[in-house]
Amino acid sequence: MDESNGTPSRGIEPVSSGIPELDQLLHGGYIHGRIYLIQGVSGTGKSLLGQHFLEAGLKNGETVVYIHGEESKGDIVVNADQLNIDIAEAEFLDIGPGTDFFAEDIAYELVETTEIESERFTKDIKEVIEATDPDRLLIDPITQLQYVERDEYQYRKRLQSLIRFLRDRQVTTVVTKTTHGNEGHHTGDDFESLSDGIVNLYLDESERRIAVPKHRGIGQIDGTHGLEIREDGIEIYPQVIPEHRNRTFDPALLSTGHAALDDLLGGGIERGAVSFISGPTGVGKSTTGAQILDGIVDAGGTALGYLFEETIEQFSYRCENLDIPVSEHIDRGSLRLTEFEPLVRSAEEFGQHVLAEADEHDPDVILIDGLSGYKISMQGDESRLVRRLHGLTRVLKNREIAVLITDEADHLTGMPRATSTDTSYIADNLVFLTYVEVDGRLERAIGVVKKRLGDFDSRFHRVTIESDRGLTVAGAFDGIEGIMDGSPVHRRDE
């Protein structure tokens, strides 16, 4: 027994939120008999999150109650059904303005209107809870109670009384609250301090995000995570967080299938290494990445490719013209390509998609082509995107999957910096392609400027890309210096 109130204690019993990924953020879900606050600006999905919670209860054969104050029951059921959320069998209590509850013709004498409305509010909630004995309750929004209290002191007393009543009856409760501005979550609101958990929803330039800053006694996965509202309601994509693993370090090499490229890379690329292929537009970054995929697949490996700047058809057409049989690899199932449309996914959704495909196909190598398109296509600010990419690549490294990332330099010649953003720390290998003017002719050069593991050829080599031959790495630029500065000159022999 719970000696504090005489009610039976069921301990820590998880209750599904109706969204497995939210349960993951909550370290298992809501806790039976506790109170949770979902808050955010208008349009972030607060009501939907609560409706998923109620639907999960109905599917589990539980009794659920929906107390609503802004929409009618009919509108709620119809709108939820449009997103394939079925809550028609819930018990509904409408306490919103304009209903009979607020519209009754009562002569108020000696007491303020707010006192009568507050008592009616409390009485109706008490009656529906006692009549139905629900397992789950959604109050959408809790601010309806604040509207009918005469002051903040009375509001807090009413909240405390309501929460104690619900806890005594072991009702798992979710309430929603609309905030004003994404920075307005931490306002010291009474319900924030009284609730057992808080779920914050954000909306910024059409990008929706979710965070769980509080889950009393249980903890949560911190940080913000991706959230989308799609045809089946809310989808949540937790950020990819690498796990610390005790594993034997074995930097086994994967041959690129291209002898000259292997020589340049000291034998190939390592399993579990991240290799950046950087250079200006049109210099051959994607072709180099495709050439490496081709070599690994030809040797019996499996590859995944994610295209941010080309369609699959365009990428395949270019590769076929360079004698890289992408279509053949796809038909055999050894290569799988996915293209991403601009501004429709978060970096977290992309990361979860990659990990799901890695689980299914067990690839030896993954190509992300290219970093600039990734930053444009994914929702969110650049610094967060880089952090999410770092987390994803660390997880792939732990699985001993080689990762190739193409990155566009903003200078046509030379190498003023290793990568287009502050991502060079992610790279174990850095292959750089650039244009070189030699005796009035524009040539391509390729070089390895970073390799954490093993030796490599530190010289820049001539490289050509020709139809029916693909990538050809020729001799080194002997006698030429200043390639990295973008001002190549013939070296004077001393």
Protein backbone atom coordinates (compact mmCIF):
# COMPACT_ATOMS: atom_id res chain seq x y z
CA MET A 1 0.00 0.00 0.00
CA ASP A 2 1.00 3.63 -0.51
CA GLU A 3 0.95 4.89 3.10
CA SER A 4 0.65 8.51 2.02
CA ASN A 5 -2.87 8.14 0.66
CA GLY A 6 -3.98 4.58 1.26
CA THR A 7 -4.15 3.62 -2.41
CA PRO A 8 -2.46 0.54 -3.87
CA SER A 9 0.99 1.25 -5.33
CA ARG A 10 1.84 -0.39 -8.66
CA GLY A 11 5.44 0.84 -8.67
CA ILE A 12 7.16 1.87 -11.89
CA GLU A 13 4.86 0.57 -14.58
CA PRO A 14 5.47 1.91 -18.12
CA VAL A 15 2.53 3.11 -20.18
CA SER A 16 3.02 3.45 -23.93
CA SER A 17 2.64 6.95 -25.36
CA GLY A 18 1.38 5.38 -28.59
CA ILE A 19 4.59 6.34 -30.39
CA PRO A 20 7.49 3.89 -29.86
CA GLU A 21 10.12 6.55 -30.50
CA LEU A 22 8.65 8.83 -27.82
CA ASP A 23 8.70 5.86 -25.45
CA GLN A 24 12.39 5.56 -26.30
CA LEU A 25 13.00 9.22 -25.39
CA LEU A 26 11.11 8.66 -22.12
CA HIS A 27 13.19 5.58 -21.24
CA GLY A 28 10.25 3.22 -21.67
CA GLY A 29 7.19 5.46 -21.88
CA TYR A 30 4.99 7.35 -19.48
CA ILE A 31 4.68 5.96 -15.97
CA HIS A 32 1.35 4.62 -14.74
CA GLY A 33 -0.56 7.08 -12.59
CA ARG A 34 1.66 10.08 -13.31
CA ILE A 35 0.97 13.49 -14.87
CA TYR A 36 2.64 14.76 -18.06
CA LEU A 37 2.67 18.17 -19.75
CA ILE A 38 2.95 18.56 -23.53
CA GLN A 39 3.58 22.18 -24.52
CA GLY A 40 4.47 24.17 -27.62
CA VAL A 41 3.29 26.88 -29.96
CA SER A 42 0.16 26.45 -32.03
CA GLY A 43 0.50 23.87 -34.81
CA THR A 44 3.29 21.78 -33.29
CA GLY A 45 1.14 18.66 -32.78
CA LYS A 46 0.28 18.77 -29.06
CA SER A 47 -3.26 17.45 -29.48
CA LEU A 48 -2.09 14.76 -31.90
CA LEU A 49 0.49 13.54 -29.41
CA GLY A 50 -2.25 13.27 -26.79
CA GLN A 51 -4.56 11.49 -29.24
CA HIS A 52 -1.90 8.88 -30.00
CA PHE A 53 -1.74 8.30 -26.24
CA LEU A 54 -5.49 7.75 -26.02
CA GLU A 55 -5.60 5.51 -29.11
CA ALA A 56 -2.90 3.27 -27.62
CA GLY A 57 -5.07 2.84 -24.55
CA LEU A 58 -8.16 1.96 -26.59
CA LYS A 59 -6.19 -0.62 -28.58
CA ASN A 60 -5.09 -2.11 -25.25
CA GLY A 61 -8.68 -2.41 -24.04
CA GLU A 62 -8.37 0.45 -21.57
CA THR A 63 -10.87 3.14 -20.65
CA VAL A 64 -9.82 6.60 -21.82
CA VAL A 65 -11.26 10.08 -21.31
CA TYR A 66 -10.73 13.12 -23.54
CA ILE A 67 -11.46 16.46 -21.85
CA HIS A 68 -11.39 19.15 -24.53
CA GLY A 69 -11.96 22.86 -24.58
CA GLU A 70 -11.13 24.22 -28.04
CA GLU A 71 -12.73 21.84 -30.56
CA SER A 72 -16.01 19.95 -30.56
CA LYS A 73 -16.05 16.17 -30.23
CA GLY A 74 -17.17 15.83 -33.84
CA ASP A 75 -14.29 17.91 -35.17
CA ILE A 76 -11.77 16.08 -33.00
CA VAL A 77 -12.87 12.62 -34.16
CA VAL A 78 -13.01 13.61 -37.83
CA ASN A 79 -9.66 15.39 -37.80
CA ALA A 80 -7.98 12.50 -35.98
CA ASP A 81 -9.46 10.03 -38.44
CA GLN A 82 -7.86 11.96 -41.31
CA LEU A 83 -4.50 10.93 -39.83
CA ASN A 84 -5.65 7.33 -39.20
CA ILE A 85 -6.04 7.91 -35.45
CA ASP A 86 -9.20 6.24 -34.14
CA ILE A 87 -10.40 7.66 -30.82
CA ALA A 88 -14.15 7.55 -31.48
CA GLU A 89 -14.71 5.15 -28.55
CA ALA A 90 -13.14 7.51 -26.01
CA GLU A 91 -15.31 9.19 -23.36
CA PHE A 92 -15.49 12.90 -24.24
CA LEU A 93 -16.11 15.87 -21.95
CA ASP A 94 -16.46 19.27 -23.61
CA ILE A 95 -15.68 22.17 -21.26
CA GLY A 96 -14.92 24.77 -23.88
CA PRO A 97 -16.59 28.16 -24.22
CA GLY A 98 -19.77 28.09 -26.23
CA THR A 99 -20.95 24.75 -24.83
CA ASP A 100 -23.98 24.31 -22.64
CA PHE A 101 -21.65 24.16 -19.66
CA PHE A 102 -20.70 27.78 -20.12
CA ALA A 103 -23.92 28.99 -21.74
CA GLU A 104 -26.45 28.10 -19.06
CA ASP A 105 -28.55 31.03 -17.91
CA ILE A 106 -27.54 31.34 -14.26
CA ALA A 107 -28.20 34.34 -12.06
CA TYR A 108 -24.94 35.07 -10.32
CA GLU A 109 -25.47 36.59 -6.93
CA LEU A 110 -22.99 37.34 -4.16
CA VAL A 111 -20.23 35.29 -5.85
CA GLU A 112 -18.06 36.04 -8.84
CA THR A 113 -18.76 34.36 -12.19
CA THR A 114 -15.29 32.78 -12.21
CA GLU A 115 -15.94 31.00 -8.93
CA ILE A 116 -19.08 29.33 -10.29
CA GLU A 117 -17.41 28.38 -13.57
CA SER A 118 -14.40 26.96 -11.73
CA GLU A 119 -16.62 24.84 -9.51
CA ARG A 120 -18.52 23.55 -12.55
CA PHE A 121 -15.24 22.72 -14.26
CA THR A 122 -14.01 20.75 -11.25
CA LYS A 123 -17.37 19.08 -10.69
CA ASP A 124 -17.65 17.86 -14.30
CA ILE A 125 -14.13 16.45 -14.32
CA LYS A 126 -14.70 14.70 -10.99
CA GLU A 127 -17.96 13.19 -12.18
CA VAL A 128 -16.58 11.84 -15.47
CA ILE A 129 -13.52 10.36 -13.73
CA GLU A 130 -15.59 8.70 -11.02
CA ALA A 131 -18.15 7.42 -13.53
CA THR A 132 -15.69 5.93 -16.01
CA ASP A 133 -12.68 5.10 -13.78
CA PRO A 134 -10.32 5.71 -16.72
CA ASP A 135 -6.85 4.32 -17.20
CA ARG A 136 -5.83 7.30 -19.34
CA LEU A 137 -6.89 10.93 -19.41
CA LEU A 138 -6.12 13.75 -21.86
CA ILE A 139 -6.90 17.37 -20.91
CA ASP A 140 -6.56 19.47 -24.05
CA PRO A 141 -5.74 22.23 -23.05
CA ILE A 142 -5.10 22.67 -19.33
CA THR A 143 -5.28 26.45 -19.79
CA GLN A 144 -9.05 26.10 -19.84
CA LEU A 145 -8.82 25.75 -16.06
CA GLN A 146 -6.68 28.87 -15.79
CA TYR A 147 -9.25 30.91 -17.70
CA VAL A 148 -11.94 30.35 -15.07
CA GLU A 149 -9.84 31.05 -11.97
CA ARG A 150 -9.84 34.55 -10.51
CA ASP A 151 -6.11 34.67 -9.80
CA GLU A 152 -2.84 32.70 -9.96
CA TYR A 153 -3.07 31.62 -6.34
CA GLN A 154 -6.49 30.05 -6.88
CA TYR A 155 -5.29 28.49 -10.14
CA ARG A 156 -2.36 26.79 -8.39
CA LYS A 157 -4.63 25.49 -5.61
CA ARG A 158 -7.02 24.09 -8.22
CA LEU A 159 -4.13 22.43 -10.08
CA GLN A 160 -2.78 20.84 -6.92
CA SER A 161 -6.22 19.55 -6.01
CA LEU A 162 -6.81 18.15 -9.50
CA ILE A 163 -3.40 16.46 -9.67
CA ARG A 164 -3.85 14.88 -6.21
CA PHE A 165 -7.28 13.60 -7.23
CA LEU A 166 -5.91 12.02 -10.43
CA ARG A 167 -2.88 10.51 -8.67
CA ASP A 168 -5.05 9.03 -5.93
CA ARG A 169 -7.06 7.28 -8.62
CA GLN A 170 -3.89 6.21 -10.51
CA VAL A 171 -4.99 7.85 -13.76
CA THR A 172 -2.16 8.30 -16.25
CA THR A 173 -2.74 11.87 -17.41
CA VAL A 174 -1.48 13.97 -20.31
CA VAL A 175 -2.30 17.66 -20.50
CA THR A 176 -1.51 20.13 -23.27
CA LYS A 177 -0.62 23.79 -23.09
CA THR A 178 -0.05 26.37 -25.83
CA THR A 179 3.01 28.59 -25.39
CA HIS A 180 3.87 31.78 -27.20
CA GLY A 181 7.18 31.50 -29.02
CA ASN A 182 9.60 28.57 -29.00
CA GLU A 183 11.58 30.15 -26.19
CA GLY A 184 8.57 30.37 -23.94
CA HIS A 185 8.63 26.86 -22.51
CA HIS A 186 10.57 27.58 -19.35
CA THR A 187 8.32 30.20 -17.83
CA GLY A 188 8.12 28.82 -14.32
CA ASP A 189 4.53 27.76 -14.95
CA ASP A 190 2.91 25.92 -12.06
CA PHE A 191 2.09 22.86 -14.11
CA GLU A 192 5.72 22.51 -15.18
CA SER A 193 6.82 22.15 -11.55
CA LEU A 194 3.87 19.95 -10.57
CA SER A 195 4.07 17.54 -13.53
CA ASP A 196 6.13 14.35 -13.53
CA GLY A 197 7.33 14.88 -17.08
CA ILE A 198 7.48 17.57 -19.75
CA VAL A 199 7.46 17.17 -23.52
CA ASN A 200 8.33 20.31 -25.47
CA LEU A 201 7.34 20.72 -29.12
CA TYR A 202 8.94 23.31 -31.41
CA LEU A 203 8.07 24.84 -34.77
CA ASP A 204 10.61 27.00 -36.59
CA GLU A 205 10.27 27.81 -40.30
CA SER A 206 8.14 24.68 -40.85
CA GLU A 207 10.66 22.47 -39.02
CA ARG A 208 9.07 20.55 -36.16
CA ARG A 209 11.17 19.22 -33.28
CA ILE A 210 10.61 17.55 -29.93
CA ALA A 211 12.51 17.47 -26.63
CA VAL A 212 11.94 15.85 -23.23
CA PRO A 213 13.59 18.10 -20.62
CA LYS A 214 12.08 16.35 -17.61
CA HIS A 215 11.01 12.84 -16.60
CA ARG A 216 10.96 12.62 -12.85
CA GLY A 217 12.82 9.66 -11.34
CA ILE A 218 13.31 7.91 -14.69
CA GLY A 219 15.34 10.28 -16.80
CA GLN A 220 15.15 10.81 -20.54
CA ILE A 221 17.21 11.11 -23.70
CA ASP A 222 18.24 14.74 -23.78
CA GLY A 223 18.54 17.08 -26.74
CA THR A 224 16.08 17.85 -29.53
CA HIS A 225 14.86 15.31 -32.03
CA GLY A 226 13.08 15.27 -35.38
CA LEU A 227 9.29 15.28 -35.58
CA GLU A 228 7.00 15.13 -38.61
CA ILE A 229 3.22 15.08 -39.03
CA ARG A 230 2.36 12.75 -41.88
CA GLU A 231 -0.54 10.62 -43.09
CA ASP A 232 -0.48 8.34 -40.03
CA GLY A 233 -0.06 11.11 -37.49
CA ILE A 234 3.14 11.98 -35.66
CA GLU A 235 6.49 10.42 -36.52
CA ILE A 236 9.46 10.98 -34.20
CA TYR A 237 13.11 10.46 -35.12
CA PRO A 238 15.50 10.39 -32.15
CA GLN A 239 18.97 11.69 -32.82
CA VAL A 240 21.56 8.99 -33.45
CA ILE A 241 23.78 8.70 -30.39
CA PRO A 242 26.91 6.51 -30.64
CA GLU A 243 27.44 3.83 -28.03
CA HIS A 244 30.81 3.17 -26.45
CA ARG A 245 31.94 -0.28 -27.50
CA ASN A 246 34.81 -2.42 -26.42
CA ARG A 247 35.97 -3.90 -29.69
CA THR A 248 39.20 -5.12 -31.16
CA PHE A 249 40.70 -2.47 -33.40
CA ASP A 250 41.37 -4.06 -36.80
CA PRO A 251 41.83 -1.53 -39.63
CA ALA A 252 41.24 -4.02 -42.44
CA LEU A 253 41.59 -2.47 -45.89
CA LEU A 254 38.95 -2.48 -48.59
CA SER A 255 40.41 -2.26 -52.07
CA THR A 256 38.89 0.39 -54.31
CA GLY A 257 39.35 -1.99 -57.25
CA HIS A 258 41.46 0.68 -58.89
CA ALA A 259 45.21 -0.07 -58.61
CA ALA A 260 46.42 3.52 -58.95
CA LEU A 261 43.84 4.79 -56.46
CA ASP A 262 44.81 2.02 -54.03
CA ASP A 263 48.47 3.04 -54.35
CA LEU A 264 47.53 6.64 -53.60
CA LEU A 265 45.56 5.56 -50.51
CA GLY A 266 48.18 3.18 -49.19
CA GLY A 267 46.25 0.08 -50.21
CA GLY A 268 42.63 1.24 -50.06
CA ILE A 269 40.17 2.56 -47.46
CA GLU A 270 39.74 1.06 -44.03
CA ARG A 271 36.64 -0.61 -42.71
CA GLY A 272 35.09 1.65 -40.12
CA ALA A 273 36.77 4.77 -41.52
CA VAL A 274 35.17 7.97 -42.77
CA SER A 275 36.66 9.21 -46.05
CA PHE A 276 35.91 12.68 -47.41
CA ILE A 277 36.26 13.26 -51.15
CA SER A 278 36.53 17.02 -51.49
CA GLY A 279 36.96 19.45 -54.38
CA PRO A 280 35.33 22.11 -56.54
CA THR A 281 32.25 21.56 -58.68
CA GLY A 282 32.62 19.24 -61.66
CA VAL A 283 36.07 17.98 -60.73
CA GLY A 284 35.00 14.33 -60.27
CA LYS A 285 34.07 13.82 -56.62
CA SER A 286 30.94 11.75 -57.29
CA THR A 287 32.76 9.80 -59.98
CA THR A 288 35.55 8.96 -57.56
CA GLY A 289 32.99 7.85 -54.98
CA ALA A 290 31.18 5.73 -57.56
CA GLN A 291 34.50 4.21 -58.68
CA ILE A 292 35.24 3.12 -55.10
CA LEU A 293 31.74 1.66 -54.68
CA ASP A 294 32.18 -0.24 -57.95
CA GLY A 295 35.49 -1.74 -56.83
CA ILE A 296 34.14 -2.86 -53.44
CA VAL A 297 30.99 -4.34 -54.98
CA ASP A 298 33.03 -6.12 -57.70
CA ALA A 299 35.03 -7.79 -54.92
CA GLY A 300 31.80 -9.22 -53.45
CA GLY A 301 30.85 -6.38 -51.12
CA THR A 302 27.57 -4.55 -50.61
CA ALA A 303 27.10 -0.78 -50.89
CA LEU A 304 24.46 1.84 -50.07
CA GLY A 305 24.39 5.27 -51.68
CA TYR A 306 22.43 8.40 -50.68
CA LEU A 307 22.10 11.10 -53.32
CA PHE A 308 21.39 14.70 -52.37
CA GLU A 309 22.32 16.48 -55.59
CA GLU A 310 21.26 14.10 -58.38
CA THR A 311 18.45 11.75 -59.20
CA ILE A 312 19.19 8.03 -59.35
CA GLU A 313 18.62 8.12 -63.10
CA GLN A 314 21.11 10.94 -63.65
CA PHE A 315 23.72 9.38 -61.37
CA SER A 316 23.34 5.98 -63.07
CA TYR A 317 23.49 7.51 -66.56
CA ARG A 318 26.72 9.36 -65.82
CA CYS A 319 28.30 6.28 -64.29
CA GLU A 320 27.29 4.01 -67.18
CA ASN A 321 28.91 6.43 -69.64
CA LEU A 322 32.11 6.14 -67.62
CA ASP A 323 32.02 2.33 -67.69
CA ILE A 324 30.89 2.07 -64.07
CA PRO A 325 28.04 -0.50 -64.21
CA VAL A 326 25.80 0.98 -61.53
CA SER A 327 22.57 -0.43 -63.02
CA GLU A 328 24.04 -3.92 -63.07
CA HIS A 329 25.00 -3.68 -59.41
CA ILE A 330 21.52 -2.41 -58.53
CA ASP A 331 19.87 -5.27 -60.44
CA ARG A 332 22.03 -7.80 -58.59
CA GLY A 333 21.09 -6.25 -55.26
CA SER A 334 24.68 -5.44 -54.29
CA LEU A 335 24.08 -1.67 -54.56
CA ARG A 336 21.09 0.28 -53.32
CA LEU A 337 20.66 3.98 -54.11
CA THR A 338 18.27 6.44 -52.43
CA GLU A 339 17.69 10.05 -53.44
CA PHE A 340 16.49 12.67 -50.96
CA GLU A 341 14.16 15.51 -51.83
CA PRO A 342 14.92 19.01 -50.51
CA LEU A 343 13.57 20.16 -47.14
CA VAL A 344 11.27 17.25 -46.38
CA ARG A 345 13.31 15.36 -43.79
CA SER A 346 15.25 16.12 -40.66
CA ALA A 347 18.83 15.00 -40.11
CA GLU A 348 17.49 12.63 -37.45
CA GLU A 349 15.09 11.01 -39.93
CA PHE A 350 17.92 10.59 -42.42
CA GLY A 351 20.13 9.03 -39.76
CA GLN A 352 17.45 6.57 -38.65
CA HIS A 353 16.75 5.69 -42.30
CA VAL A 354 20.43 4.93 -42.93
CA LEU A 355 20.72 2.77 -39.81
CA ALA A 356 17.56 0.84 -40.71
CA GLU A 357 18.94 0.10 -44.18
CA ALA A 358 22.32 -0.81 -42.71
CA ASP A 359 20.57 -3.32 -40.45
CA GLU A 360 18.72 -4.79 -43.42
CA HIS A 361 21.52 -4.89 -46.04
CA ASP A 362 24.72 -5.15 -43.92
CA PRO A 363 26.79 -2.94 -46.26
CA ASP A 364 30.57 -2.79 -46.46
CA VAL A 365 30.49 0.84 -47.62
CA ILE A 366 28.06 3.78 -47.61
CA LEU A 367 28.28 6.83 -49.89
CA ILE A 368 26.74 10.18 -48.92
CA ASP A 369 26.82 12.34 -52.06
CA GLY A 370 27.23 15.20 -51.22
CA LEU A 371 27.62 17.22 -48.07
CA SER A 372 26.44 20.53 -49.55
CA GLY A 373 23.20 18.94 -50.74
CA TYR A 374 22.76 17.27 -47.35
CA LYS A 375 22.96 20.65 -45.61
CA ILE A 376 20.46 22.18 -48.05
CA SER A 377 18.06 19.24 -48.13
CA MET A 378 17.94 18.51 -44.41
CA GLN A 379 15.91 20.72 -42.11
CA GLY A 380 17.78 22.65 -39.43
CA ASP A 381 20.75 24.89 -38.84
CA GLU A 382 24.16 23.90 -40.17
CA SER A 383 25.85 23.31 -36.82
CA ARG A 384 23.17 20.83 -35.74
CA LEU A 385 23.33 19.04 -39.09
CA VAL A 386 27.09 18.59 -38.71
CA ARG A 387 26.63 17.23 -35.17
CA ARG A 388 24.02 14.77 -36.38
CA LEU A 389 26.28 13.66 -39.24
CA HIS A 390 29.07 13.14 -36.74
CA GLY A 391 26.81 10.97 -34.57
CA LEU A 392 25.70 8.91 -37.57
CA THR A 393 29.22 8.32 -38.87
CA ARG A 394 30.41 7.29 -35.40
CA VAL A 395 27.70 4.64 -35.22
CA LEU A 396 28.62 3.38 -38.71
CA LYS A 397 32.31 3.32 -37.73
CA ASN A 398 31.42 1.20 -34.70
CA ARG A 399 29.76 -1.24 -37.09
CA GLU A 400 32.95 -1.30 -39.20
CA ILE A 401 31.19 0.20 -42.22
CA ALA A 402 33.34 2.39 -44.46
CA VAL A 403 31.74 5.79 -45.11
CA LEU A 404 32.41 8.00 -48.14
CA ILE A 405 31.26 11.63 -48.12
CA THR A 406 31.65 13.97 -51.08
CA ASP A 407 32.12 17.62 -50.19
CA GLU A 408 32.24 20.64 -52.49
CA ALA A 409 35.02 23.18 -52.05
CA ASP A 410 34.17 26.82 -52.68
CA HIS A 411 37.40 27.58 -54.61
CA LEU A 412 38.00 26.39 -58.17
CA THR A 413 41.71 25.87 -57.55
CA GLY A 414 43.81 25.29 -54.47
CA MET A 415 42.70 24.11 -51.05
CA PRO A 416 42.13 27.04 -48.66
CA ARG A 417 40.55 24.64 -46.13
CA ALA A 418 40.09 20.90 -45.92
CA THR A 419 36.26 20.82 -45.97
CA SER A 420 33.44 23.25 -46.78
CA THR A 421 32.40 23.38 -43.11
CA ASP A 422 33.95 22.42 -39.80
CA THR A 423 33.69 18.71 -40.59
CA SER A 424 37.33 17.79 -41.17
CA TYR A 425 37.51 16.35 -37.63
CA ILE A 426 35.04 13.66 -38.77
CA ALA A 427 37.33 12.49 -41.57
CA ASP A 428 39.82 9.66 -41.13
CA ASN A 429 40.84 10.02 -44.78
CA LEU A 430 40.70 13.15 -46.88
CA VAL A 431 41.01 12.84 -50.65
CA PHE A 432 41.18 16.17 -52.46
CA LEU A 433 40.60 16.84 -56.16
CA THR A 434 41.34 20.20 -57.74
CA TYR A 435 42.06 21.96 -61.01
CA VAL A 436 45.64 22.84 -61.87
CA GLU A 437 46.77 25.22 -64.58
CA VAL A 438 50.01 23.96 -66.12
CA ASP A 439 51.57 25.77 -69.08
CA GLY A 440 48.23 27.34 -69.97
CA ARG A 441 46.30 24.04 -69.80
CA LEU A 442 43.72 23.17 -67.13
CA GLU A 443 44.30 19.72 -65.65
CA ARG A 444 42.80 17.77 -62.78
CA ALA A 445 44.81 16.69 -59.76
CA ILE A 446 44.08 14.19 -56.99
CA GLY A 447 45.89 13.80 -53.70
CA VAL A 448 45.51 12.37 -50.22
CA VAL A 449 46.02 15.14 -47.66
CA LYS A 450 45.01 13.17 -44.55
CA LYS A 451 45.06 9.53 -43.54
CA ARG A 452 44.87 8.63 -39.88
CA LEU A 453 45.86 5.01 -40.36
CA GLY A 454 48.84 3.84 -42.37
CA ASP A 455 51.00 5.36 -45.06
CA PHE A 456 49.89 7.02 -48.28
CA ASP A 457 51.33 8.73 -51.32
CA SER A 458 51.61 12.39 -50.33
CA ARG A 459 52.05 13.65 -53.90
CA PHE A 460 49.35 15.12 -56.15
CA HIS A 461 48.71 13.01 -59.25
CA ARG A 462 47.18 13.80 -62.58
CA VAL A 463 43.68 12.43 -62.98
CA THR A 464 41.37 12.24 -66.01
CA ILE A 465 37.74 11.26 -66.39
CA GLU A 466 36.89 9.91 -69.83
CA SER A 467 33.91 8.19 -71.42
CA ASP A 468 34.20 4.37 -71.47
CA ARG A 469 37.28 4.57 -69.23
CA GLY A 470 36.10 6.32 -66.11
CA LEU A 471 38.62 7.58 -63.60
CA THR A 472 42.28 7.32 -64.62
CA VAL A 473 45.05 8.26 -62.19
CA ALA A 474 48.30 9.02 -64.00
CA GLY A 475 51.72 10.08 -62.77
CA ALA A 476 52.53 12.58 -60.08
CA PHE A 477 52.95 16.29 -60.75
CA ASP A 478 56.71 16.07 -60.41
CA GLY A 479 58.43 19.40 -60.67
CA ILE A 480 55.24 21.35 -59.77
CA GLU A 481 54.68 23.03 -56.43
CA GLY A 482 51.99 25.32 -55.01
CA ILE A 483 49.03 23.10 -56.02
CA MET A 484 47.39 23.40 -52.60
CA ASP A 485 47.79 27.18 -52.70
CA GLY A 486 46.09 27.39 -56.09
CA SER A 487 49.19 28.93 -57.66
CA PRO A 488 51.18 26.04 -59.16
CA VAL A 489 54.64 26.84 -60.48
CA HIS A 490 57.51 24.77 -61.81
CA ARG A 491 59.95 24.03 -59.04
CA ARG A 492 63.44 25.35 -59.59
CA ASP A 493 66.13 22.74 -59.19
CA GLU A 494 68.80 23.94 -56.82
